[in-house]
Amino acid sequence: MSLAQQRGRAEMPDDITPEMLARIDEICAQHRGKPGSLIPVLQKVQEVVGYLPVAVQERIAEGLGLPGHEVFGVTSFYSFFSMKPKGRHTIRVCMGTACYVRGGKEALERLERHLGIPVDSMTPDRRFSLEQVRCLGACGVAPVVVVDQDTHRKVMADTVVDLIERYE
């Protein structure tokens, strides 16, 4: 049993480097004692690390002098925070009614087969994360696929693979 487990703490993931930990500590030190700083700190740390595993949340809590449950509560409440690693590119396929009936389901299935992963996971090379979303509010141009911040309209199953392969 590791020291972290003995103390009831989560293990720091192997992909978190000492440089990342130093940057997390700097961010926390800059915001310690400032009211309303938790969300900005979580955003900055997620930019550094790419996600917010429990061990990183514990480090943020210590660095800000907050209870761990408060950090976890905010992290788990807001959808823009992720506790799982993400790929360099996030693919979101709309499954709202218009997108679904116009071919979004088939586009999503084609992506799952091409990438070799199910929805809500990441490719082994960390190039892509694949997600489905309920509605993107672009029903008139359905089906819609968003890659990072780029919105692609009328994306069909036979073109979706070529679309994502543009992203290195």
N, C-alpha and C. Protein backbone atom coordinates (compact mmCIF):
# COMPACT_ATOMS: atom_id res chain seq x y z
N MET A 1 0.85 -1.18 0.00
CA MET A 1 0.00 0.00 0.00
C MET A 1 0.89 1.24 0.00
N SER A 2 0.56 2.18 -0.89
CA SER A 2 1.37 3.39 -0.99
C SER A 2 1.04 4.35 0.16
N LEU A 3 1.90 5.34 0.34
CA LEU A 3 1.69 6.35 1.37
C LEU A 3 0.40 7.13 1.11
N ALA A 4 0.12 7.45 -0.16
CA ALA A 4 -1.11 8.17 -0.50
C ALA A 4 -2.34 7.35 -0.11
N GLN A 5 -2.30 6.04 -0.37
CA GLN A 5 -3.43 5.18 -0.02
C GLN A 5 -3.57 5.07 1.49
N GLN A 6 -2.43 4.98 2.22
CA GLN A 6 -2.47 4.88 3.67
C GLN A 6 -3.11 6.13 4.28
N ARG A 7 -2.87 7.27 3.66
CA ARG A 7 -3.42 8.53 4.18
C ARG A 7 -4.83 8.80 3.64
N GLY A 8 -5.36 7.88 2.83
CA GLY A 8 -6.69 8.09 2.27
C GLY A 8 -6.71 9.05 1.10
N ARG A 9 -5.57 9.22 0.47
CA ARG A 9 -5.47 10.14 -0.66
C ARG A 9 -5.36 9.36 -1.96
N ALA A 10 -5.76 10.02 -3.02
CA ALA A 10 -5.68 9.41 -4.35
C ALA A 10 -4.24 9.46 -4.85
N GLU A 11 -3.88 8.44 -5.62
CA GLU A 11 -2.56 8.39 -6.25
C GLU A 11 -2.49 9.42 -7.37
N MET A 12 -1.36 10.11 -7.46
CA MET A 12 -1.16 11.05 -8.56
C MET A 12 -0.93 10.24 -9.83
N PRO A 13 -1.69 10.49 -10.89
CA PRO A 13 -1.51 9.74 -12.14
C PRO A 13 -0.10 9.91 -12.70
N ASP A 14 0.37 8.90 -13.40
CA ASP A 14 1.72 8.91 -13.96
C ASP A 14 1.95 10.01 -14.99
N ASP A 15 0.88 10.47 -15.63
CA ASP A 15 1.06 11.48 -16.68
C ASP A 15 1.18 12.90 -16.13
N ILE A 16 1.10 13.06 -14.81
CA ILE A 16 1.26 14.38 -14.19
C ILE A 16 2.75 14.55 -13.85
N THR A 17 3.39 15.48 -14.53
CA THR A 17 4.83 15.68 -14.39
C THR A 17 5.15 16.59 -13.20
N PRO A 18 6.41 16.55 -12.74
CA PRO A 18 6.81 17.49 -11.68
C PRO A 18 6.63 18.96 -12.10
N GLU A 19 6.82 19.24 -13.39
CA GLU A 19 6.62 20.60 -13.89
C GLU A 19 5.16 21.02 -13.75
N MET A 20 4.25 20.09 -14.04
CA MET A 20 2.83 20.37 -13.89
C MET A 20 2.49 20.63 -12.43
N LEU A 21 3.03 19.81 -11.54
CA LEU A 21 2.77 20.00 -10.11
C LEU A 21 3.27 21.35 -9.63
N ALA A 22 4.44 21.76 -10.11
CA ALA A 22 4.98 23.06 -9.73
C ALA A 22 4.06 24.19 -10.22
N ARG A 23 3.55 24.04 -11.43
CA ARG A 23 2.65 25.06 -12.00
C ARG A 23 1.33 25.09 -11.21
N ILE A 24 0.83 23.93 -10.82
CA ILE A 24 -0.40 23.87 -10.00
C ILE A 24 -0.17 24.62 -8.69
N ASP A 25 0.96 24.38 -8.06
CA ASP A 25 1.27 25.05 -6.80
C ASP A 25 1.37 26.57 -6.99
N GLU A 26 1.96 27.01 -8.10
CA GLU A 26 2.05 28.45 -8.39
C GLU A 26 0.66 29.06 -8.55
N ILE A 27 -0.19 28.39 -9.31
CA ILE A 27 -1.55 28.89 -9.54
C ILE A 27 -2.29 29.01 -8.21
N CYS A 28 -2.19 27.98 -7.39
CA CYS A 28 -2.87 28.01 -6.08
C CYS A 28 -2.32 29.14 -5.21
N ALA A 29 -1.01 29.31 -5.19
CA ALA A 29 -0.40 30.36 -4.36
C ALA A 29 -0.87 31.75 -4.80
N GLN A 30 -1.04 31.94 -6.10
CA GLN A 30 -1.50 33.24 -6.62
C GLN A 30 -2.94 33.54 -6.21
N HIS A 31 -3.74 32.51 -5.96
CA HIS A 31 -5.16 32.70 -5.69
C HIS A 31 -5.57 32.39 -4.25
N ARG A 32 -4.65 31.90 -3.45
CA ARG A 32 -4.98 31.52 -2.08
C ARG A 32 -5.55 32.71 -1.31
N GLY A 33 -6.68 32.48 -0.64
CA GLY A 33 -7.30 33.52 0.18
C GLY A 33 -8.18 34.49 -0.59
N LYS A 34 -8.25 34.36 -1.90
CA LYS A 34 -9.09 35.25 -2.70
C LYS A 34 -10.46 34.62 -2.88
N PRO A 35 -11.50 35.31 -2.43
CA PRO A 35 -12.86 34.75 -2.58
C PRO A 35 -13.20 34.54 -4.06
N GLY A 36 -13.92 33.47 -4.33
CA GLY A 36 -14.37 33.20 -5.69
C GLY A 36 -13.30 32.73 -6.64
N SER A 37 -12.18 32.27 -6.10
CA SER A 37 -11.07 31.90 -6.98
C SER A 37 -11.07 30.43 -7.40
N LEU A 38 -11.94 29.61 -6.83
CA LEU A 38 -11.87 28.18 -7.11
C LEU A 38 -12.09 27.86 -8.59
N ILE A 39 -13.12 28.41 -9.19
CA ILE A 39 -13.39 28.09 -10.60
C ILE A 39 -12.24 28.57 -11.50
N PRO A 40 -11.76 29.79 -11.35
CA PRO A 40 -10.61 30.19 -12.18
C PRO A 40 -9.37 29.30 -11.97
N VAL A 41 -9.14 28.86 -10.74
CA VAL A 41 -8.01 27.97 -10.47
C VAL A 41 -8.22 26.64 -11.18
N LEU A 42 -9.41 26.08 -11.06
CA LEU A 42 -9.70 24.81 -11.73
C LEU A 42 -9.52 24.94 -13.24
N GLN A 43 -9.96 26.05 -13.81
CA GLN A 43 -9.81 26.27 -15.25
C GLN A 43 -8.33 26.32 -15.63
N LYS A 44 -7.55 27.07 -14.88
CA LYS A 44 -6.12 27.21 -15.19
C LYS A 44 -5.39 25.88 -15.03
N VAL A 45 -5.72 25.15 -13.98
CA VAL A 45 -5.06 23.85 -13.76
C VAL A 45 -5.46 22.87 -14.86
N GLN A 46 -6.73 22.89 -15.26
CA GLN A 46 -7.14 21.99 -16.34
C GLN A 46 -6.41 22.34 -17.64
N GLU A 47 -6.11 23.62 -17.87
CA GLU A 47 -5.32 24.00 -19.04
C GLU A 47 -3.90 23.42 -18.96
N VAL A 48 -3.36 23.37 -17.77
CA VAL A 48 -2.00 22.85 -17.58
C VAL A 48 -1.96 21.33 -17.70
N VAL A 49 -2.89 20.66 -17.05
CA VAL A 49 -2.86 19.20 -16.94
C VAL A 49 -3.69 18.52 -18.03
N GLY A 50 -4.77 19.18 -18.44
CA GLY A 50 -5.66 18.60 -19.44
C GLY A 50 -6.91 18.00 -18.85
N TYR A 51 -6.88 17.72 -17.55
CA TYR A 51 -8.02 17.17 -16.84
C TYR A 51 -7.78 17.34 -15.35
N LEU A 52 -8.76 16.97 -14.51
CA LEU A 52 -8.66 17.20 -13.07
C LEU A 52 -8.90 15.90 -12.29
N PRO A 53 -7.90 15.02 -12.27
CA PRO A 53 -8.07 13.79 -11.48
C PRO A 53 -8.17 14.13 -9.99
N VAL A 54 -8.69 13.20 -9.22
CA VAL A 54 -8.93 13.43 -7.79
C VAL A 54 -7.65 13.86 -7.07
N ALA A 55 -6.51 13.26 -7.38
CA ALA A 55 -5.26 13.64 -6.71
C ALA A 55 -4.91 15.11 -6.97
N VAL A 56 -5.17 15.59 -8.17
CA VAL A 56 -4.91 17.01 -8.49
C VAL A 56 -5.90 17.89 -7.73
N GLN A 57 -7.15 17.45 -7.64
CA GLN A 57 -8.14 18.21 -6.88
C GLN A 57 -7.74 18.31 -5.41
N GLU A 58 -7.20 17.23 -4.86
CA GLU A 58 -6.72 17.26 -3.48
C GLU A 58 -5.58 18.26 -3.31
N ARG A 59 -4.71 18.31 -4.30
CA ARG A 59 -3.58 19.26 -4.24
C ARG A 59 -4.09 20.69 -4.32
N ILE A 60 -5.10 20.94 -5.16
CA ILE A 60 -5.70 22.26 -5.27
C ILE A 60 -6.35 22.65 -3.93
N ALA A 61 -7.08 21.71 -3.34
CA ALA A 61 -7.73 21.98 -2.05
C ALA A 61 -6.70 22.39 -1.01
N GLU A 62 -5.61 21.63 -0.94
CA GLU A 62 -4.55 21.97 0.01
C GLU A 62 -3.94 23.33 -0.31
N GLY A 63 -3.69 23.57 -1.59
CA GLY A 63 -3.06 24.82 -2.00
C GLY A 63 -3.93 26.04 -1.75
N LEU A 64 -5.23 25.87 -1.82
CA LEU A 64 -6.14 27.00 -1.59
C LEU A 64 -6.66 27.05 -0.15
N GLY A 65 -6.36 26.01 0.62
CA GLY A 65 -6.86 25.96 2.00
C GLY A 65 -8.36 25.71 2.05
N LEU A 66 -8.85 24.87 1.13
CA LEU A 66 -10.27 24.55 1.07
C LEU A 66 -10.48 23.08 1.39
N PRO A 67 -11.67 22.72 1.83
CA PRO A 67 -11.95 21.29 2.01
C PRO A 67 -12.02 20.60 0.65
N GLY A 68 -11.54 19.37 0.60
CA GLY A 68 -11.52 18.61 -0.64
C GLY A 68 -12.89 18.42 -1.24
N HIS A 69 -13.91 18.23 -0.41
CA HIS A 69 -15.26 18.02 -0.93
C HIS A 69 -15.78 19.24 -1.67
N GLU A 70 -15.33 20.43 -1.30
CA GLU A 70 -15.75 21.64 -2.00
C GLU A 70 -15.16 21.68 -3.41
N VAL A 71 -13.90 21.33 -3.54
CA VAL A 71 -13.26 21.29 -4.86
C VAL A 71 -13.91 20.21 -5.71
N PHE A 72 -14.11 19.03 -5.13
CA PHE A 72 -14.74 17.95 -5.88
C PHE A 72 -16.16 18.32 -6.30
N GLY A 73 -16.90 18.97 -5.43
CA GLY A 73 -18.27 19.37 -5.73
C GLY A 73 -18.34 20.29 -6.94
N VAL A 74 -17.45 21.25 -7.00
CA VAL A 74 -17.43 22.18 -8.14
C VAL A 74 -16.97 21.46 -9.40
N THR A 75 -15.93 20.65 -9.29
CA THR A 75 -15.40 19.92 -10.44
C THR A 75 -16.45 18.98 -11.03
N SER A 76 -17.17 18.29 -10.18
CA SER A 76 -18.14 17.31 -10.67
C SER A 76 -19.45 17.97 -11.13
N PHE A 77 -19.72 19.19 -10.68
CA PHE A 77 -20.96 19.86 -11.06
C PHE A 77 -20.90 20.45 -12.47
N TYR A 78 -19.81 21.10 -12.78
CA TYR A 78 -19.71 21.80 -14.06
C TYR A 78 -19.18 20.89 -15.16
N SER A 79 -19.92 20.85 -16.27
CA SER A 79 -19.58 19.92 -17.36
C SER A 79 -18.29 20.29 -18.08
N PHE A 80 -17.82 21.52 -17.95
CA PHE A 80 -16.59 21.89 -18.65
C PHE A 80 -15.33 21.43 -17.91
N PHE A 81 -15.50 20.84 -16.74
CA PHE A 81 -14.36 20.23 -16.06
C PHE A 81 -14.41 18.73 -16.31
N SER A 82 -13.25 18.14 -16.53
CA SER A 82 -13.18 16.71 -16.78
C SER A 82 -12.25 16.05 -15.76
N MET A 83 -12.71 14.93 -15.22
CA MET A 83 -11.87 14.17 -14.29
C MET A 83 -11.16 13.03 -15.00
N LYS A 84 -11.42 12.89 -16.30
CA LYS A 84 -10.76 11.86 -17.09
C LYS A 84 -9.86 12.54 -18.12
N PRO A 85 -8.77 11.90 -18.49
CA PRO A 85 -7.91 12.49 -19.52
C PRO A 85 -8.68 12.65 -20.82
N LYS A 86 -8.33 13.68 -21.55
CA LYS A 86 -8.96 13.95 -22.84
C LYS A 86 -7.90 13.90 -23.93
N GLY A 87 -8.35 13.60 -25.12
CA GLY A 87 -7.45 13.62 -26.27
C GLY A 87 -7.10 15.05 -26.66
N ARG A 88 -6.14 15.18 -27.55
CA ARG A 88 -5.76 16.51 -28.03
C ARG A 88 -6.94 17.20 -28.71
N HIS A 89 -7.80 16.40 -29.32
CA HIS A 89 -8.99 16.92 -29.99
C HIS A 89 -10.22 16.23 -29.42
N THR A 90 -11.24 17.02 -29.11
CA THR A 90 -12.48 16.47 -28.61
C THR A 90 -13.53 16.55 -29.72
N ILE A 91 -14.09 15.40 -30.04
CA ILE A 91 -15.14 15.30 -31.05
C ILE A 91 -16.46 15.15 -30.32
N ARG A 92 -17.40 16.06 -30.60
CA ARG A 92 -18.73 15.99 -30.01
C ARG A 92 -19.74 15.81 -31.14
N VAL A 93 -20.51 14.76 -31.07
CA VAL A 93 -21.53 14.49 -32.07
C VAL A 93 -22.89 14.75 -31.45
N CYS A 94 -23.68 15.61 -32.09
CA CYS A 94 -25.01 15.94 -31.58
C CYS A 94 -25.96 14.78 -31.79
N MET A 95 -26.70 14.45 -30.74
CA MET A 95 -27.71 13.39 -30.80
C MET A 95 -29.10 13.95 -30.52
N GLY A 96 -29.26 15.28 -30.67
CA GLY A 96 -30.58 15.88 -30.56
C GLY A 96 -31.47 15.29 -31.65
N THR A 97 -32.77 15.50 -31.55
CA THR A 97 -33.72 14.87 -32.47
C THR A 97 -33.39 15.12 -33.93
N ALA A 98 -33.18 16.37 -34.31
CA ALA A 98 -32.91 16.69 -35.72
C ALA A 98 -31.63 16.02 -36.20
N CYS A 99 -30.59 16.09 -35.41
CA CYS A 99 -29.32 15.47 -35.81
C CYS A 99 -29.45 13.96 -35.88
N TYR A 100 -30.13 13.39 -34.91
CA TYR A 100 -30.30 11.95 -34.86
C TYR A 100 -31.02 11.42 -36.10
N VAL A 101 -32.16 12.03 -36.44
CA VAL A 101 -32.94 11.52 -37.57
C VAL A 101 -32.31 11.84 -38.92
N ARG A 102 -31.43 12.82 -38.97
CA ARG A 102 -30.79 13.18 -40.24
C ARG A 102 -29.44 12.50 -40.43
N GLY A 103 -29.06 11.60 -39.55
CA GLY A 103 -27.84 10.84 -39.77
C GLY A 103 -26.76 10.96 -38.71
N GLY A 104 -27.04 11.67 -37.63
CA GLY A 104 -26.04 11.81 -36.56
C GLY A 104 -25.67 10.49 -35.91
N LYS A 105 -26.64 9.61 -35.73
CA LYS A 105 -26.38 8.30 -35.13
C LYS A 105 -25.41 7.51 -35.99
N GLU A 106 -25.62 7.50 -37.29
CA GLU A 106 -24.74 6.76 -38.19
C GLU A 106 -23.33 7.37 -38.21
N ALA A 107 -23.25 8.70 -38.17
CA ALA A 107 -21.93 9.36 -38.12
C ALA A 107 -21.19 8.98 -36.84
N LEU A 108 -21.90 8.96 -35.72
CA LEU A 108 -21.29 8.56 -34.45
C LEU A 108 -20.81 7.12 -34.51
N GLU A 109 -21.62 6.23 -35.03
CA GLU A 109 -21.23 4.82 -35.14
C GLU A 109 -20.01 4.66 -36.04
N ARG A 110 -19.95 5.41 -37.12
CA ARG A 110 -18.80 5.36 -38.02
C ARG A 110 -17.53 5.83 -37.30
N LEU A 111 -17.64 6.87 -36.49
CA LEU A 111 -16.50 7.35 -35.72
C LEU A 111 -16.04 6.31 -34.70
N GLU A 112 -16.98 5.68 -34.03
CA GLU A 112 -16.62 4.65 -33.05
C GLU A 112 -15.83 3.53 -33.74
N ARG A 113 -16.29 3.10 -34.90
CA ARG A 113 -15.60 2.03 -35.62
C ARG A 113 -14.22 2.49 -36.11
N HIS A 114 -14.17 3.69 -36.69
CA HIS A 114 -12.91 4.20 -37.23
C HIS A 114 -11.87 4.41 -36.13
N LEU A 115 -12.29 5.00 -35.03
CA LEU A 115 -11.35 5.30 -33.94
C LEU A 115 -11.09 4.08 -33.06
N GLY A 116 -11.98 3.09 -33.13
CA GLY A 116 -11.82 1.89 -32.31
C GLY A 116 -12.10 2.11 -30.84
N ILE A 117 -12.96 3.08 -30.55
CA ILE A 117 -13.30 3.39 -29.16
C ILE A 117 -14.81 3.63 -29.04
N PRO A 118 -15.36 3.40 -27.85
CA PRO A 118 -16.76 3.76 -27.63
C PRO A 118 -16.89 5.25 -27.25
N VAL A 119 -18.10 5.73 -27.25
CA VAL A 119 -18.39 7.09 -26.80
C VAL A 119 -17.87 7.26 -25.38
N ASP A 120 -17.46 8.47 -25.05
CA ASP A 120 -16.95 8.84 -23.73
C ASP A 120 -15.63 8.16 -23.41
N SER A 121 -14.79 8.02 -24.43
CA SER A 121 -13.46 7.51 -24.18
C SER A 121 -12.48 8.21 -25.11
N MET A 122 -11.22 7.81 -25.00
CA MET A 122 -10.13 8.47 -25.70
C MET A 122 -9.33 7.42 -26.47
N THR A 123 -8.82 7.80 -27.63
CA THR A 123 -7.99 6.88 -28.38
C THR A 123 -6.69 6.61 -27.62
N PRO A 124 -6.11 5.43 -27.78
CA PRO A 124 -4.89 5.09 -27.04
C PRO A 124 -3.74 6.08 -27.26
N ASP A 125 -3.69 6.70 -28.44
CA ASP A 125 -2.62 7.67 -28.72
C ASP A 125 -2.95 9.07 -28.20
N ARG A 126 -4.10 9.21 -27.54
CA ARG A 126 -4.58 10.48 -26.95
C ARG A 126 -4.84 11.55 -28.00
N ARG A 127 -5.04 11.13 -29.23
CA ARG A 127 -5.32 12.10 -30.30
C ARG A 127 -6.77 12.61 -30.20
N PHE A 128 -7.71 11.71 -29.96
CA PHE A 128 -9.12 12.09 -29.96
C PHE A 128 -9.85 11.59 -28.72
N SER A 129 -10.80 12.40 -28.26
CA SER A 129 -11.83 11.98 -27.31
C SER A 129 -13.13 12.06 -28.08
N LEU A 130 -14.02 11.10 -27.84
CA LEU A 130 -15.29 11.04 -28.55
C LEU A 130 -16.44 11.17 -27.56
N GLU A 131 -17.31 12.12 -27.80
CA GLU A 131 -18.46 12.36 -26.92
C GLU A 131 -19.72 12.51 -27.75
N GLN A 132 -20.84 12.21 -27.14
CA GLN A 132 -22.12 12.56 -27.74
C GLN A 132 -22.77 13.59 -26.83
N VAL A 133 -23.47 14.53 -27.44
CA VAL A 133 -24.15 15.56 -26.67
C VAL A 133 -25.63 15.55 -27.06
N ARG A 134 -26.46 16.04 -26.17
CA ARG A 134 -27.91 15.98 -26.39
C ARG A 134 -28.36 16.97 -27.45
N CYS A 135 -27.88 18.20 -27.44
CA CYS A 135 -28.31 19.17 -28.44
C CYS A 135 -27.30 20.31 -28.50
N LEU A 136 -26.97 20.71 -29.71
CA LEU A 136 -26.05 21.83 -29.90
C LEU A 136 -26.77 23.08 -30.38
N GLY A 137 -28.10 22.99 -30.56
CA GLY A 137 -28.88 24.15 -30.96
C GLY A 137 -28.66 24.57 -32.40
N ALA A 138 -28.28 23.65 -33.25
CA ALA A 138 -28.04 23.96 -34.66
C ALA A 138 -28.89 23.03 -35.54
N CYS A 139 -30.14 22.88 -35.17
CA CYS A 139 -31.02 21.90 -35.82
C CYS A 139 -31.18 22.14 -37.31
N GLY A 140 -31.11 23.38 -37.75
CA GLY A 140 -31.29 23.69 -39.16
C GLY A 140 -30.18 23.20 -40.05
N VAL A 141 -29.03 22.87 -39.46
CA VAL A 141 -27.89 22.40 -40.25
C VAL A 141 -27.45 21.00 -39.80
N ALA A 142 -28.41 20.25 -39.29
CA ALA A 142 -28.15 18.91 -38.76
C ALA A 142 -27.78 17.95 -39.89
N PRO A 143 -26.99 16.93 -39.54
CA PRO A 143 -26.35 16.64 -38.26
C PRO A 143 -25.07 17.47 -38.06
N VAL A 144 -24.81 17.77 -36.80
CA VAL A 144 -23.69 18.65 -36.44
C VAL A 144 -22.65 17.87 -35.65
N VAL A 145 -21.38 18.11 -35.99
CA VAL A 145 -20.24 17.55 -35.27
C VAL A 145 -19.34 18.72 -34.91
N VAL A 146 -18.94 18.79 -33.66
CA VAL A 146 -18.02 19.84 -33.21
C VAL A 146 -16.69 19.17 -32.88
N VAL A 147 -15.61 19.65 -33.47
CA VAL A 147 -14.27 19.19 -33.15
C VAL A 147 -13.55 20.38 -32.53
N ASP A 148 -13.19 20.22 -31.27
CA ASP A 148 -12.63 21.31 -30.48
C ASP A 148 -13.63 22.47 -30.50
N GLN A 149 -13.28 23.58 -31.12
CA GLN A 149 -14.19 24.73 -31.20
C GLN A 149 -14.80 24.89 -32.59
N ASP A 150 -14.50 23.97 -33.50
CA ASP A 150 -14.96 24.07 -34.88
C ASP A 150 -16.28 23.32 -35.06
N THR A 151 -17.31 24.04 -35.49
CA THR A 151 -18.62 23.43 -35.73
C THR A 151 -18.73 23.05 -37.20
N HIS A 152 -19.05 21.79 -37.46
CA HIS A 152 -19.19 21.28 -38.82
C HIS A 152 -20.65 20.92 -39.04
N ARG A 153 -21.22 21.43 -40.13
CA ARG A 153 -22.64 21.28 -40.44
C ARG A 153 -22.89 20.17 -41.45
N LYS A 154 -24.06 19.59 -41.35
CA LYS A 154 -24.52 18.57 -42.30
C LYS A 154 -23.47 17.48 -42.53
N VAL A 155 -22.94 16.96 -41.44
CA VAL A 155 -21.90 15.94 -41.49
C VAL A 155 -22.56 14.56 -41.56
N MET A 156 -22.27 13.86 -42.60
CA MET A 156 -22.86 12.54 -42.81
C MET A 156 -21.82 11.45 -42.50
N ALA A 157 -22.30 10.24 -42.32
CA ALA A 157 -21.42 9.12 -41.97
C ALA A 157 -20.32 8.91 -43.01
N ASP A 158 -20.62 9.15 -44.29
CA ASP A 158 -19.61 8.89 -45.32
C ASP A 158 -18.56 9.99 -45.42
N THR A 159 -18.73 11.11 -44.71
CA THR A 159 -17.73 12.18 -44.74
C THR A 159 -17.06 12.45 -43.40
N VAL A 160 -17.59 11.87 -42.33
CA VAL A 160 -17.12 12.23 -40.99
C VAL A 160 -15.67 11.79 -40.74
N VAL A 161 -15.25 10.66 -41.29
CA VAL A 161 -13.87 10.21 -41.07
C VAL A 161 -12.89 11.16 -41.74
N ASP A 162 -13.17 11.56 -42.98
CA ASP A 162 -12.30 12.53 -43.66
C ASP A 162 -12.23 13.84 -42.89
N LEU A 163 -13.36 14.24 -42.30
CA LEU A 163 -13.41 15.46 -41.53
C LEU A 163 -12.44 15.42 -40.35
N ILE A 164 -12.50 14.37 -39.55
CA ILE A 164 -11.66 14.34 -38.34
C ILE A 164 -10.19 14.09 -38.67
N GLU A 165 -9.90 13.46 -39.79
CA GLU A 165 -8.51 13.18 -40.13
C GLU A 165 -7.73 14.44 -40.47
N ARG A 166 -8.40 15.57 -40.62
CA ARG A 166 -7.72 16.86 -40.84
C ARG A 166 -7.05 17.36 -39.56
N TYR A 167 -7.44 16.79 -38.42
CA TYR A 167 -6.92 17.24 -37.13
C TYR A 167 -5.75 16.36 -36.70
N GLU A 168 -4.61 16.97 -36.58
CA GLU A 168 -3.40 16.25 -36.16
C GLU A 168 -3.40 16.22 -34.67
